């Protein structure tokens, strides 16, 4: 159990104050500690929205993390390519890439552990063996997976140098006056909603997305998005920032959609990279998933009415 004693400043909410003072503490975890009675102000339990006074004594107890065991699970995998060094898999919409709070099973990692056994890179630890890059739970499409550390380092370096080809398709709200363009806007953590990202100049990193129109669908557009950088939620944030949020995006998009969707209409369609051992350039393309095709067909039918 880790224990902290902090002296307060007037006017701050207790959850924000302790997450600011303890760098390892996220605001959401601070709120959980408060709810669990592990945060005391002058020896008394408080609520998440308690506003501090000057020079109050705050006691914070942080329990030791419980060791997490990731179990191999028999989950079908769509594998486009595999050799002794890597795999290219097509992740379905709704599958989480690796275990995390609230998702300890049914992830891509659980499936990979069953398929590959111990033949996965260990650079990212026991929670993310083999995982070189990620896509969101509700984004479908292609991912490369490293079977050993040498392959992992090579693939990671290619991502860092922006030499990996990553093309997505997305259905977005609204129409475009031009057939394509580039969105060059820095992305960082949202100042209030910590699980969200946003376009911002504060504590951000450069982010560049190239896009082109594939098909106009009435009040929607099918676009191809090419990542030059790979920031968290980059395409979703960039498209939303231009007034063209992705259809079905419950975080950055329209609150009330006319379709019953399980997630954003975003698919990682093309993935290209140099083989970590041979150096040969390899490129893979996945079929448009069925849930995507259904929406495109429906939008086309609506245009004909």
Protein backbone atom coordinates (compact mmCIF):
# COMPACT_ATOMS: atom_id res chain seq x y z
CA UNK A 1 0.00 0.00 0.00
CA UNK A 2 1.38 3.40 -1.02
CA UNK A 3 0.54 6.34 1.23
CA UNK A 4 0.68 10.06 0.45
CA UNK A 5 0.15 13.08 2.67
CA UNK A 6 -0.66 16.29 0.80
CA UNK A 7 -1.51 19.82 1.96
CA UNK A 8 -4.39 21.39 0.06
CA UNK A 9 -4.85 24.67 -1.75
CA UNK A 10 -8.18 26.49 -1.69
CA UNK A 11 -10.67 26.14 -4.51
CA UNK A 12 -9.71 22.84 -6.20
CA UNK A 13 -11.87 19.75 -6.48
CA UNK A 14 -10.39 16.89 -4.51
CA UNK A 15 -10.28 14.43 -7.47
CA UNK A 16 -8.46 16.87 -9.75
CA UNK A 17 -6.14 18.09 -7.01
CA UNK A 18 -4.76 14.69 -6.01
CA UNK A 19 -4.43 13.52 -9.63
CA UNK A 20 -2.40 16.68 -10.33
CA UNK A 21 -0.23 16.18 -7.25
CA UNK A 22 0.41 12.46 -7.80
CA UNK A 23 1.66 12.06 -11.40
CA UNK A 24 0.92 8.34 -11.59
CA UNK A 25 -2.73 8.92 -10.68
CA UNK A 26 -5.35 9.50 -13.38
CA UNK A 27 -8.40 11.52 -12.46
CA UNK A 28 -10.71 8.53 -12.99
CA UNK A 29 -8.58 6.38 -10.66
CA UNK A 30 -8.50 9.20 -8.12
CA UNK A 31 -12.30 9.19 -8.19
CA UNK A 32 -12.32 5.44 -7.58
CA UNK A 33 -10.01 5.84 -4.58
CA UNK A 34 -12.35 8.52 -3.19
CA UNK A 35 -15.38 6.27 -3.67
CA UNK A 36 -13.53 3.39 -1.96
CA UNK A 37 -12.82 5.57 1.08
CA UNK A 38 -9.07 5.64 0.49
CA UNK A 39 -8.88 9.44 0.37
CA UNK A 40 -9.38 11.35 3.63
CA UNK A 41 -9.49 15.12 4.17
CA UNK A 42 -8.76 16.01 7.80
CA UNK A 43 -9.41 12.36 8.61
CA UNK A 44 -12.86 12.27 7.00
CA UNK A 45 -14.19 10.67 3.81
CA UNK A 46 -15.35 13.08 1.11
CA UNK A 47 -17.11 12.96 -2.25
CA UNK A 48 -15.48 13.34 -5.66
CA UNK A 49 -16.72 16.94 -6.05
CA UNK A 50 -15.54 18.11 -2.62
CA UNK A 51 -13.93 21.57 -2.93
CA UNK A 52 -10.82 21.97 -0.83
CA UNK A 53 -10.00 24.75 1.64
CA UNK A 54 -6.52 26.07 2.36
CA UNK A 55 -4.03 23.97 4.36
CA UNK A 56 -6.19 20.88 4.77
CA UNK A 57 -4.40 17.57 5.31
CA UNK A 58 -5.15 15.01 2.61
CA UNK A 59 -4.31 11.33 3.10
CA UNK A 60 -4.25 9.11 0.01
CA UNK A 61 -3.81 5.35 0.07
CA UNK A 62 -3.11 3.51 -3.18
CA UNK A 63 -3.45 -0.30 -3.04
CA UNK A 64 -0.73 -2.43 -4.59
CA UNK A 65 -1.73 -3.48 -8.12
CA UNK A 66 -3.03 -7.00 -8.43
CA UNK A 67 -0.98 -9.18 -10.79
CA UNK A 68 -2.88 -9.73 -14.00
CA UNK A 69 -2.71 -13.12 -15.69
CA UNK A 70 -3.60 -13.12 -19.35
CA UNK A 71 -5.09 -16.45 -20.41
CA UNK A 72 -4.92 -17.99 -23.85
CA UNK A 73 -8.41 -18.37 -25.35
CA UNK A 74 -9.77 -20.27 -28.32
CA UNK A 75 -11.00 -17.33 -30.39
CA UNK A 76 -11.11 -17.44 -34.22
CA UNK A 77 -8.52 -15.26 -35.95
CA UNK A 78 -8.54 -14.04 -39.55
CA UNK A 79 -4.87 -14.25 -40.50
CA UNK A 80 -3.81 -12.76 -43.83
CA UNK A 81 -0.12 -13.60 -43.45
CA UNK A 82 2.12 -15.50 -41.04
CA UNK A 83 5.76 -16.57 -40.84
CA UNK A 84 8.31 -17.13 -38.08
CA UNK A 85 8.61 -13.40 -37.41
CA UNK A 86 5.18 -11.83 -37.70
CA UNK A 87 1.48 -12.09 -38.45
CA UNK A 88 -0.97 -9.77 -40.18
CA UNK A 89 -4.45 -10.16 -38.72
CA UNK A 90 -7.83 -8.67 -39.62
CA UNK A 91 -9.47 -7.56 -36.36
CA UNK A 92 -13.28 -7.50 -36.29
CA UNK A 93 -15.27 -4.56 -34.99
CA UNK A 94 -15.99 -4.94 -31.28
CA UNK A 95 -12.78 -6.78 -30.33
CA UNK A 96 -10.39 -5.09 -27.89
CA UNK A 97 -6.72 -5.42 -28.91
CA UNK A 98 -5.22 -6.19 -25.47
CA UNK A 99 -6.44 -6.71 -21.90
CA UNK A 100 -7.13 -3.65 -19.76
CA UNK A 101 -9.50 -2.64 -17.00
CA UNK A 102 -12.91 -4.10 -17.81
CA UNK A 103 -11.61 -6.22 -20.69
CA UNK A 104 -9.50 -9.10 -19.38
CA UNK A 105 -10.74 -11.72 -21.82
CA UNK A 106 -11.97 -11.99 -25.39
CA UNK A 107 -9.20 -9.71 -26.67
CA UNK A 108 -6.94 -10.12 -29.66
CA UNK A 109 -4.05 -10.89 -27.30
CA UNK A 110 -6.00 -13.75 -25.71
CA UNK A 111 -6.56 -15.19 -29.18
CA UNK A 112 -2.92 -14.68 -30.23
CA UNK A 113 -1.63 -16.44 -27.13
CA UNK A 114 -3.67 -19.51 -28.04
CA UNK A 115 -2.53 -19.41 -31.66
CA UNK A 116 1.15 -18.56 -31.11
CA UNK A 117 1.86 -19.93 -27.66
CA UNK A 118 5.04 -18.36 -26.33
CA UNK A 119 6.09 -17.15 -29.80
CA UNK A 120 5.19 -13.50 -29.30
CA UNK A 121 7.48 -10.54 -28.64
CA UNK A 122 7.76 -9.46 -25.01
CA UNK A 123 8.78 -5.82 -25.48
CA UNK A 124 5.39 -4.53 -24.33
CA UNK A 125 5.18 -6.91 -21.38
CA UNK A 126 2.69 -9.58 -20.39
CA UNK A 127 -0.39 -7.49 -21.16
CA UNK A 128 0.50 -6.69 -24.77
CA UNK A 129 2.70 -9.51 -26.12
CA UNK A 130 3.31 -9.10 -29.84
CA UNK A 131 1.34 -5.88 -30.12
CA UNK A 132 3.24 -3.33 -32.22
CA UNK A 133 0.34 -0.91 -32.84
CA UNK A 134 -3.34 -0.76 -31.98
CA UNK A 135 -6.68 0.18 -33.42
CA UNK A 136 -9.77 1.03 -31.39
CA UNK A 137 -12.22 -1.60 -30.21
CA UNK A 138 -14.93 -0.45 -32.61
CA UNK A 139 -12.56 0.04 -35.55
CA UNK A 140 -12.07 -3.03 -37.73
CA UNK A 141 -9.12 -3.94 -39.89
CA UNK A 142 -5.46 -4.84 -40.26
CA UNK A 143 -2.81 -5.08 -37.57
CA UNK A 144 0.75 -6.41 -37.65
CA UNK A 145 1.87 -8.61 -34.76
CA UNK A 146 5.50 -9.39 -33.88
CA UNK A 147 6.53 -12.92 -32.94
CA UNK A 148 9.93 -11.93 -31.57
CA UNK A 149 11.66 -8.85 -30.19
CA UNK A 150 13.83 -8.32 -33.26
CA UNK A 151 10.77 -8.12 -35.51
CA UNK A 152 8.99 -5.90 -32.98
CA UNK A 153 11.84 -3.38 -32.88
CA UNK A 154 12.03 -3.25 -36.68
CA UNK A 155 8.30 -2.72 -37.13
CA UNK A 156 8.15 -0.12 -34.34
CA UNK A 157 11.01 1.80 -35.93
CA UNK A 158 9.19 1.82 -39.27
CA UNK A 159 6.12 3.30 -37.59
CA UNK A 160 8.30 5.90 -35.88
CA UNK A 161 9.87 6.87 -39.21
CA UNK A 162 6.43 7.06 -40.91
CA UNK A 163 7.37 4.42 -43.51
CA UNK A 164 4.43 2.11 -42.75
CA UNK A 165 1.48 2.41 -45.16
CA UNK A 166 -1.81 2.67 -43.28
CA UNK A 167 -4.93 3.39 -45.29
CA UNK A 168 -8.39 3.49 -43.72
CA UNK A 169 -11.84 3.92 -45.14
CA UNK A 170 -14.51 5.81 -43.24
CA UNK A 171 -18.09 6.97 -43.70
CA UNK A 172 -18.34 10.55 -42.46
CA UNK A 173 -21.10 13.07 -42.06
CA UNK A 174 -21.57 15.76 -44.69
CA UNK A 175 -20.21 16.45 -48.14
CA UNK A 176 -16.88 17.83 -49.37
CA UNK A 177 -16.39 20.66 -51.85
CA UNK A 178 -13.05 19.18 -52.95
CA UNK A 179 -11.99 15.61 -53.71
CA UNK A 180 -9.30 15.46 -51.06
CA UNK A 181 -6.89 17.27 -48.81
CA UNK A 182 -4.62 17.13 -45.78
CA UNK A 183 -5.47 17.73 -42.14
CA UNK A 184 -2.38 18.96 -40.29
CA UNK A 185 -3.45 19.65 -36.71
CA UNK A 186 -1.67 18.69 -33.45
CA UNK A 187 -3.47 16.25 -31.15
CA UNK A 188 -3.25 15.99 -27.38
CA UNK A 189 -5.23 14.87 -24.35
CA UNK A 190 -8.55 16.65 -23.81
CA UNK A 191 -8.17 19.16 -20.94
CA UNK A 192 -11.35 18.06 -19.16
CA UNK A 193 -12.38 14.63 -20.49
CA UNK A 194 -9.18 12.64 -19.96
CA UNK A 195 -10.28 9.63 -22.01
CA UNK A 196 -10.71 11.84 -25.07
CA UNK A 197 -8.20 13.42 -27.41
CA UNK A 198 -8.59 16.77 -29.13
CA UNK A 199 -6.95 19.19 -31.54
CA UNK A 200 -4.83 21.43 -29.31
CA UNK A 201 -1.52 23.27 -29.18
CA UNK A 202 -1.06 22.42 -25.50
CA UNK A 203 0.90 19.26 -24.59
CA UNK A 204 0.24 17.86 -28.05
CA UNK A 205 2.08 16.10 -30.86
CA UNK A 206 2.05 16.77 -34.59
CA UNK A 207 -0.63 14.81 -36.43
CA UNK A 208 -1.15 14.59 -40.19
CA UNK A 209 -3.96 12.80 -42.04
CA UNK A 210 -4.37 12.80 -45.84
CA UNK A 211 -7.84 12.06 -47.19
CA UNK A 212 -9.64 11.67 -50.50
CA UNK A 213 -13.28 11.24 -51.42
CA UNK A 214 -14.18 7.77 -52.67
CA UNK A 215 -17.94 8.13 -52.98
CA UNK A 216 -20.54 10.78 -52.19
CA UNK A 217 -23.56 9.32 -50.40
CA UNK A 218 -26.09 12.11 -50.04
CA UNK A 219 -25.57 13.58 -46.59
CA UNK A 220 -22.55 11.33 -46.03
CA UNK A 221 -19.23 10.63 -47.76
CA UNK A 222 -17.07 7.54 -48.07
CA UNK A 223 -13.45 8.66 -47.69
CA UNK A 224 -10.01 7.09 -47.67
CA UNK A 225 -7.73 8.34 -44.90
CA UNK A 226 -3.98 7.83 -45.02
CA UNK A 227 -2.04 8.19 -41.79
CA UNK A 228 1.24 10.06 -41.92
CA UNK A 229 1.42 9.99 -38.12
CA UNK A 230 -0.38 7.64 -35.75
CA UNK A 231 -1.78 9.49 -32.76
CA UNK A 232 -4.48 8.05 -30.52
CA UNK A 233 -7.90 8.41 -32.21
CA UNK A 234 -6.21 10.48 -34.93
CA UNK A 235 -8.65 9.96 -37.81
CA UNK A 236 -11.67 10.27 -35.54
CA UNK A 237 -10.40 13.52 -33.99
CA UNK A 238 -9.23 15.02 -37.29
CA UNK A 239 -12.42 14.30 -39.21
CA UNK A 240 -14.55 15.61 -36.35
CA UNK A 241 -12.44 18.80 -36.22
CA UNK A 242 -13.30 19.54 -39.85
CA UNK A 243 -17.04 19.17 -39.27
CA UNK A 244 -17.14 15.67 -40.77
CA UNK A 245 -17.33 13.27 -37.79
CA UNK A 246 -17.32 9.56 -38.52
CA UNK A 247 -20.73 7.92 -38.70
CA UNK A 248 -21.39 5.94 -35.52
CA UNK A 249 -18.64 7.58 -33.47
CA UNK A 250 -20.18 7.92 -30.02
CA UNK A 251 -17.24 9.88 -28.59
CA UNK A 252 -16.38 12.43 -31.28
CA UNK A 253 -19.46 12.24 -33.46
CA UNK A 254 -23.16 13.00 -33.58
CA UNK A 255 -25.00 12.07 -30.40
CA UNK A 256 -28.15 10.78 -32.13
CA UNK A 257 -27.61 8.75 -35.31
CA UNK A 258 -30.35 7.58 -37.65
CA UNK A 259 -28.80 4.10 -37.85
CA UNK A 260 -28.43 1.48 -35.10
CA UNK A 261 -24.66 1.07 -35.19
CA UNK A 262 -22.30 -0.79 -32.86
CA UNK A 263 -19.42 1.61 -33.42
CA UNK A 264 -17.75 4.04 -35.78
CA UNK A 265 -17.66 3.30 -39.51
CA UNK A 266 -13.86 3.13 -39.70
CA UNK A 267 -11.88 0.26 -41.21
CA UNK A 268 -8.09 -0.22 -41.48
CA UNK A 269 -8.12 -1.49 -45.06
CA UNK A 270 -4.48 -1.39 -46.25
CA UNK A 271 -1.30 -2.13 -44.31
CA UNK A 272 2.18 -2.07 -45.83
CA UNK A 273 5.68 -2.39 -44.34
CA UNK A 274 9.15 -3.80 -44.94
CA UNK A 275 9.68 -7.34 -43.67
CA UNK A 276 11.82 -7.12 -40.50
CA UNK A 277 14.23 -9.83 -41.71
CA UNK A 278 14.26 -9.80 -45.52
CA UNK A 279 13.59 -6.07 -45.98
CA UNK A 280 11.03 -6.87 -48.70
CA UNK A 281 8.11 -4.43 -48.89
CA UNK A 282 4.83 -6.22 -48.17
CA UNK A 283 1.33 -4.79 -48.52
CA UNK A 284 -1.97 -6.31 -47.48
CA UNK A 285 -5.57 -5.33 -48.10
CA UNK A 286 -8.68 -6.54 -46.32
CA UNK A 287 -12.19 -6.79 -47.65
CA UNK A 288 -14.74 -4.20 -46.62
CA UNK A 289 -16.57 -5.80 -43.66
CA UNK A 290 -20.22 -6.74 -43.99
CA UNK A 291 -21.46 -4.14 -41.49
CA UNK A 292 -19.74 -1.48 -43.60
CA UNK A 293 -21.18 -2.72 -46.90
CA UNK A 294 -24.71 -2.75 -45.48
CA UNK A 295 -24.53 0.93 -44.51
CA UNK A 296 -23.04 1.94 -47.88
CA UNK A 297 -25.80 0.05 -49.72
CA UNK A 298 -28.46 1.64 -47.52
CA UNK A 299 -27.11 5.15 -48.12
CA UNK A 300 -27.02 4.54 -51.88
CA UNK A 301 -30.64 3.34 -51.81
CA UNK A 302 -31.67 6.45 -49.85
CA UNK A 303 -30.06 8.60 -52.57
CA UNK A 304 -32.17 6.88 -55.25
CA UNK A 305 -35.44 7.65 -53.50
